């Protein structure tokens, strides 16, 4: 499996059923994003196989709920960053993951997000 290049026009953003807020600076340059609601960590797999582009998660989730999906996405060419733009690490004592955004195209992220922060 392999991620795809994130299109500026109509990228696919995957969210949970309970959380759909994409009103964040990271998404301001995207044109008419398509939002799909999916349960569980299958969101990482959809990005890894190129069926979606971005998965934002800004509310609480346990590290063990995202670790396997994170590994699959990394192997397929994606990247998962916390809200400071750093790679997500699993080091919190309380095992609650930091807010994050998973992207299918790490090259796009580095050129469109990280350099502008």
Protein backbone atom coordinates (compact mmCIF):
# COMPACT_ATOMS: atom_id res chain seq x y z
CA UNK A 1 0.00 0.00 0.00
CA UNK A 2 1.09 3.57 -0.56
CA UNK A 3 -0.25 6.99 0.31
CA UNK A 4 -1.10 9.45 -2.42
CA UNK A 5 -0.10 13.06 -3.04
CA UNK A 6 -2.48 15.38 -1.22
CA UNK A 7 -4.42 17.48 -3.73
CA UNK A 8 -4.99 21.14 -2.85
CA UNK A 9 -8.41 20.95 -4.50
CA UNK A 10 -10.86 18.58 -2.83
CA UNK A 11 -8.58 16.63 -0.51
CA UNK A 12 -10.32 13.97 1.52
CA UNK A 13 -10.33 14.63 5.26
CA UNK A 14 -11.40 11.79 7.52
CA UNK A 15 -12.90 12.56 10.93
CA UNK A 16 -14.64 10.65 13.65
CA UNK A 17 -18.40 10.79 13.93
CA UNK A 18 -18.12 12.88 17.08
CA UNK A 19 -15.52 15.36 15.87
CA UNK A 20 -15.65 17.29 12.60
CA UNK A 21 -13.98 20.64 13.36
CA UNK A 22 -11.35 21.39 10.73
CA UNK A 23 -11.25 25.11 11.50
CA UNK A 24 -7.50 25.12 12.10
CA UNK A 25 -4.70 27.06 10.36
CA UNK A 26 -3.32 23.85 8.85
CA UNK A 27 -6.38 23.50 6.64
CA UNK A 28 -6.79 27.09 5.42
CA UNK A 29 -5.13 26.53 2.01
CA UNK A 30 -7.27 23.53 1.09
CA UNK A 31 -9.96 24.15 -1.50
CA UNK A 32 -13.34 22.47 -0.94
CA UNK A 33 -12.16 19.56 1.19
CA UNK A 34 -14.39 16.52 1.22
CA UNK A 35 -15.10 15.31 4.75
CA UNK A 36 -15.81 11.65 5.45
CA UNK A 37 -16.78 10.35 8.90
CA UNK A 38 -15.34 6.95 9.85
CA UNK A 39 -15.08 5.15 13.18
CA UNK A 40 -11.94 3.81 14.86
CA UNK A 41 -8.36 3.76 13.64
CA UNK A 42 -9.40 2.55 10.19
CA UNK A 43 -8.87 6.22 9.32
CA UNK A 44 -5.11 5.66 9.31
CA UNK A 45 -5.54 2.69 6.95
CA UNK A 46 -7.67 4.68 4.52
CA UNK A 47 -4.91 7.27 4.28
CA UNK A 48 -2.22 4.58 4.02
CA UNK A 49 -3.93 2.95 1.05
CA UNK A 50 -4.47 6.28 -0.73
CA UNK A 51 -8.23 6.53 -0.25
CA UNK A 52 -7.98 9.66 1.92
CA UNK A 53 -5.49 12.41 2.73
CA UNK A 54 -5.79 13.88 6.22
CA UNK A 55 -7.02 12.77 9.65
CA UNK A 56 -7.17 15.51 12.32
CA UNK A 57 -7.70 14.52 15.93
CA UNK A 58 -7.74 17.34 18.47
CA UNK A 59 -9.71 15.74 21.30
CA UNK A 60 -8.55 13.03 23.71
CA UNK A 61 -7.67 9.54 22.57
CA UNK A 62 -5.46 6.92 24.20
CA UNK A 63 -2.06 6.17 22.70
CA UNK A 64 -2.90 2.48 22.28
CA UNK A 65 -5.90 3.44 20.14
CA UNK A 66 -3.71 5.04 17.49
CA UNK A 67 -0.30 3.32 17.68
CA UNK A 68 -0.96 0.48 15.21
CA UNK A 69 -2.66 2.74 12.67
CA UNK A 70 0.18 5.23 13.03
CA UNK A 71 2.72 2.47 12.24
CA UNK A 72 0.78 1.39 9.15
CA UNK A 73 0.56 4.95 7.88
CA UNK A 74 4.30 5.53 8.40
CA UNK A 75 5.13 2.37 6.47
CA UNK A 76 2.96 3.58 3.57
CA UNK A 77 4.70 6.98 3.39
CA UNK A 78 2.56 9.14 5.67
CA UNK A 79 3.35 11.27 8.68
CA UNK A 80 1.62 12.06 12.00
CA UNK A 81 2.35 15.40 13.66
CA UNK A 82 1.26 17.00 16.89
CA UNK A 83 -0.14 20.53 16.83
CA UNK A 84 3.36 21.99 17.24
CA UNK A 85 4.47 20.33 14.01
CA UNK A 86 6.56 17.67 15.74
CA UNK A 87 6.37 13.95 15.03
CA UNK A 88 4.02 12.23 17.47
CA UNK A 89 5.85 10.29 20.18
CA UNK A 90 4.37 7.85 22.67
CA UNK A 91 5.81 9.15 25.92
CA UNK A 92 2.94 10.60 27.95
CA UNK A 93 2.69 9.24 31.49
CA UNK A 94 -1.10 9.22 31.36
CA UNK A 95 -1.08 7.45 27.95
CA UNK A 96 -3.33 10.10 26.40
CA UNK A 97 -2.08 11.02 22.93
CA UNK A 98 -1.36 14.64 22.12
CA UNK A 99 -3.72 16.25 19.59
CA UNK A 100 -2.46 15.34 16.12
CA UNK A 101 -3.00 15.42 12.38
CA UNK A 102 -2.17 12.41 10.21
CA UNK A 103 -1.20 13.17 6.62
CA UNK A 104 -0.72 10.85 3.68
CA UNK A 105 1.95 12.94 2.00
CA UNK A 106 4.91 13.93 4.16
CA UNK A 107 6.52 15.90 1.29
CA UNK A 108 3.39 18.07 0.97
CA UNK A 109 3.32 18.61 4.73
CA UNK A 110 6.94 19.74 4.87
CA UNK A 111 6.46 22.20 2.01
CA UNK A 112 3.00 23.55 2.80
CA UNK A 113 2.69 23.44 6.56
CA UNK A 114 5.93 23.08 8.45
CA UNK A 115 7.81 25.83 6.61
CA UNK A 116 4.93 28.29 7.18
CA UNK A 117 4.67 27.85 10.95
